[in-house]
């Protein structure tokens, strides 16, 4: 899968929820890590950052998708409170990317998106740090 396809698949699995920056970063990171056998390569190059694994390419991809009218972005670039969601026009395109994913990864991504939307910022970042302690290296997050 390409970076674009991964971003689209993750947006499709969100059940039309908006993603905050930390949520989209962590969903894509966790999906890429857990689906490594399927992906065969890791398209994103995550590195430890303020709140764990981070790759700016996710934001660049989302901005391109916004220019194409596929994604709705609310807020200014690199705003901590920026929000991302599929536009109606992007549903079929994103669904095609999501449908490319075989089981059990298809089901995993759906459950992952639901979980990310159900936990707090601190719970999300803490869970990532617990499973991937190396991603805590440059953290400014003092919780968990």
Protein backbone atom coordinates (compact mmCIF):
# COMPACT_ATOMS: atom_id res chain seq x y z
CA UNK A 1 0.00 0.00 0.00
CA UNK A 2 1.10 3.53 -0.69
CA UNK A 3 1.09 6.33 1.89
CA UNK A 4 -2.01 7.76 0.23
CA UNK A 5 -3.84 4.41 0.36
CA UNK A 6 -2.98 3.94 4.03
CA UNK A 7 -4.25 7.42 4.92
CA UNK A 8 -7.43 6.85 2.92
CA UNK A 9 -8.02 3.42 4.48
CA UNK A 10 -7.63 4.86 7.97
CA UNK A 11 -10.03 7.69 7.19
CA UNK A 12 -12.53 5.20 5.78
CA UNK A 13 -12.36 3.08 8.91
CA UNK A 14 -13.18 6.08 11.11
CA UNK A 15 -16.94 5.81 10.59
CA UNK A 16 -17.03 9.47 9.51
CA UNK A 17 -15.47 10.77 12.75
CA UNK A 18 -13.00 13.61 12.69
CA UNK A 19 -9.44 12.79 13.65
CA UNK A 20 -7.26 15.04 15.76
CA UNK A 21 -3.56 15.18 14.78
CA UNK A 22 -2.43 12.80 17.53
CA UNK A 23 -5.17 10.34 16.58
CA UNK A 24 -4.33 10.15 12.88
CA UNK A 25 -0.61 9.87 13.65
CA UNK A 26 -1.11 7.04 16.13
CA UNK A 27 -3.65 5.12 14.03
CA UNK A 28 -1.35 5.11 11.04
CA UNK A 29 1.68 4.25 13.20
CA UNK A 30 -0.09 1.36 14.93
CA UNK A 31 -1.59 0.05 11.71
CA UNK A 32 1.78 0.17 9.96
CA UNK A 33 3.47 -1.63 12.88
CA UNK A 34 0.79 -4.29 13.33
CA UNK A 35 0.23 -4.91 9.62
CA UNK A 36 3.93 -5.02 8.73
CA UNK A 37 3.64 -8.58 7.40
CA UNK A 38 0.92 -7.49 4.99
CA UNK A 39 2.46 -4.15 4.02
CA UNK A 40 5.90 -5.76 3.44
CA UNK A 41 7.44 -2.28 3.71
CA UNK A 42 6.82 0.64 6.01
CA UNK A 43 5.87 3.58 3.79
CA UNK A 44 5.92 6.06 6.67
CA UNK A 45 9.12 6.84 8.53
CA UNK A 46 7.95 7.47 12.08
CA UNK A 47 10.35 8.96 14.58
CA UNK A 48 10.01 9.85 18.25
CA UNK A 49 8.59 13.33 18.68
CA UNK A 50 6.75 15.45 21.26
CA UNK A 51 3.86 13.00 21.66
CA UNK A 52 5.34 9.82 20.31
CA UNK A 53 5.63 8.46 16.78
CA UNK A 54 5.39 11.18 14.14
CA UNK A 55 5.77 11.53 10.37
CA UNK A 56 4.99 14.90 8.75
CA UNK A 57 4.25 13.09 5.47
CA UNK A 58 0.84 12.21 6.94
CA UNK A 59 -0.07 15.90 7.04
CA UNK A 60 1.30 16.51 3.54
CA UNK A 61 -0.80 13.60 2.24
CA UNK A 62 -3.91 14.93 3.99
CA UNK A 63 -3.31 18.39 2.49
CA UNK A 64 -3.05 16.90 -1.00
CA UNK A 65 -6.27 14.99 -0.42
CA UNK A 66 -7.90 18.25 0.69
CA UNK A 67 -6.79 19.96 -2.53
CA UNK A 68 -8.47 17.11 -4.45
CA UNK A 69 -11.69 17.67 -2.50
CA UNK A 70 -11.48 14.28 -0.77
CA UNK A 71 -10.65 15.39 2.78
CA UNK A 72 -12.06 18.13 4.98
CA UNK A 73 -9.46 19.90 7.16
CA UNK A 74 -10.55 22.29 9.88
CA UNK A 75 -7.93 24.57 11.43
CA UNK A 76 -4.58 26.05 10.48
CA UNK A 77 -1.53 23.98 9.42
CA UNK A 78 0.26 22.29 12.33
CA UNK A 79 -2.45 23.49 14.73
CA UNK A 80 -2.74 21.05 17.63
CA UNK A 81 -6.52 21.26 17.35
CA UNK A 82 -6.74 20.68 13.60
CA UNK A 83 -9.35 18.14 12.51
CA UNK A 84 -9.40 15.73 9.54
CA UNK A 85 -12.30 13.83 7.98
CA UNK A 86 -13.38 12.40 4.66
CA UNK A 87 -15.70 14.52 2.58
CA UNK A 88 -18.69 12.77 1.03
CA UNK A 89 -16.87 12.85 -2.31
CA UNK A 90 -13.99 10.83 -0.81
CA UNK A 91 -16.01 7.98 0.67
CA UNK A 92 -15.84 5.66 -2.36
CA UNK A 93 -12.15 6.35 -2.99
CA UNK A 94 -11.28 5.74 0.66
CA UNK A 95 -13.48 2.66 0.83
CA UNK A 96 -11.58 1.16 -2.11
CA UNK A 97 -8.32 1.62 -0.19
CA UNK A 98 -9.87 0.11 2.95
CA UNK A 99 -11.25 -2.85 0.99
CA UNK A 100 -7.75 -3.65 -0.33
CA UNK A 101 -6.74 -4.70 3.18
CA UNK A 102 -7.17 -8.43 3.83
CA UNK A 103 -8.37 -10.01 7.07
CA UNK A 104 -7.32 -9.95 9.86
CA UNK A 105 -5.88 -6.47 9.21
CA UNK A 106 -9.17 -5.16 7.84
CA UNK A 107 -10.92 -5.96 11.11
CA UNK A 108 -7.94 -4.76 13.17
CA UNK A 109 -8.01 -1.33 11.53
CA UNK A 110 -11.74 -0.95 12.19
CA UNK A 111 -11.28 -1.88 15.85
CA UNK A 112 -8.22 0.36 16.14
CA UNK A 113 -10.12 3.39 14.84
CA UNK A 114 -13.01 2.76 17.22
CA UNK A 115 -10.58 2.40 20.14
CA UNK A 116 -8.68 5.59 19.29
CA UNK A 117 -11.93 7.55 19.27
CA UNK A 118 -12.94 6.06 22.63
CA UNK A 119 -9.84 6.93 24.67
CA UNK A 120 -8.43 10.20 25.94
CA UNK A 121 -5.29 11.86 24.62
CA UNK A 122 -3.35 10.65 27.69
CA UNK A 123 -4.63 7.09 27.33
CA UNK A 124 -3.73 6.99 23.64
CA UNK A 125 -0.23 8.36 24.02
CA UNK A 126 0.37 6.28 27.16
CA UNK A 127 -0.69 3.06 25.42
CA UNK A 128 1.65 3.75 22.49
CA UNK A 129 4.55 4.46 24.87
CA UNK A 130 3.86 1.28 26.81
CA UNK A 131 4.00 -0.89 23.69
CA UNK A 132 6.72 1.10 21.90
CA UNK A 133 8.94 2.64 24.60
CA UNK A 134 11.51 3.84 22.07
CA UNK A 135 8.91 6.30 20.75
CA UNK A 136 8.97 8.11 24.09
CA UNK A 137 12.54 9.27 23.55
CA UNK A 138 11.81 12.94 22.71
CA UNK A 139 8.46 13.21 24.43
CA UNK A 140 7.19 16.32 26.14
CA UNK A 141 4.21 14.34 27.46
CA UNK A 142 4.47 13.84 31.21
CA UNK A 143 1.49 11.50 31.68
CA UNK A 144 1.72 7.71 32.09
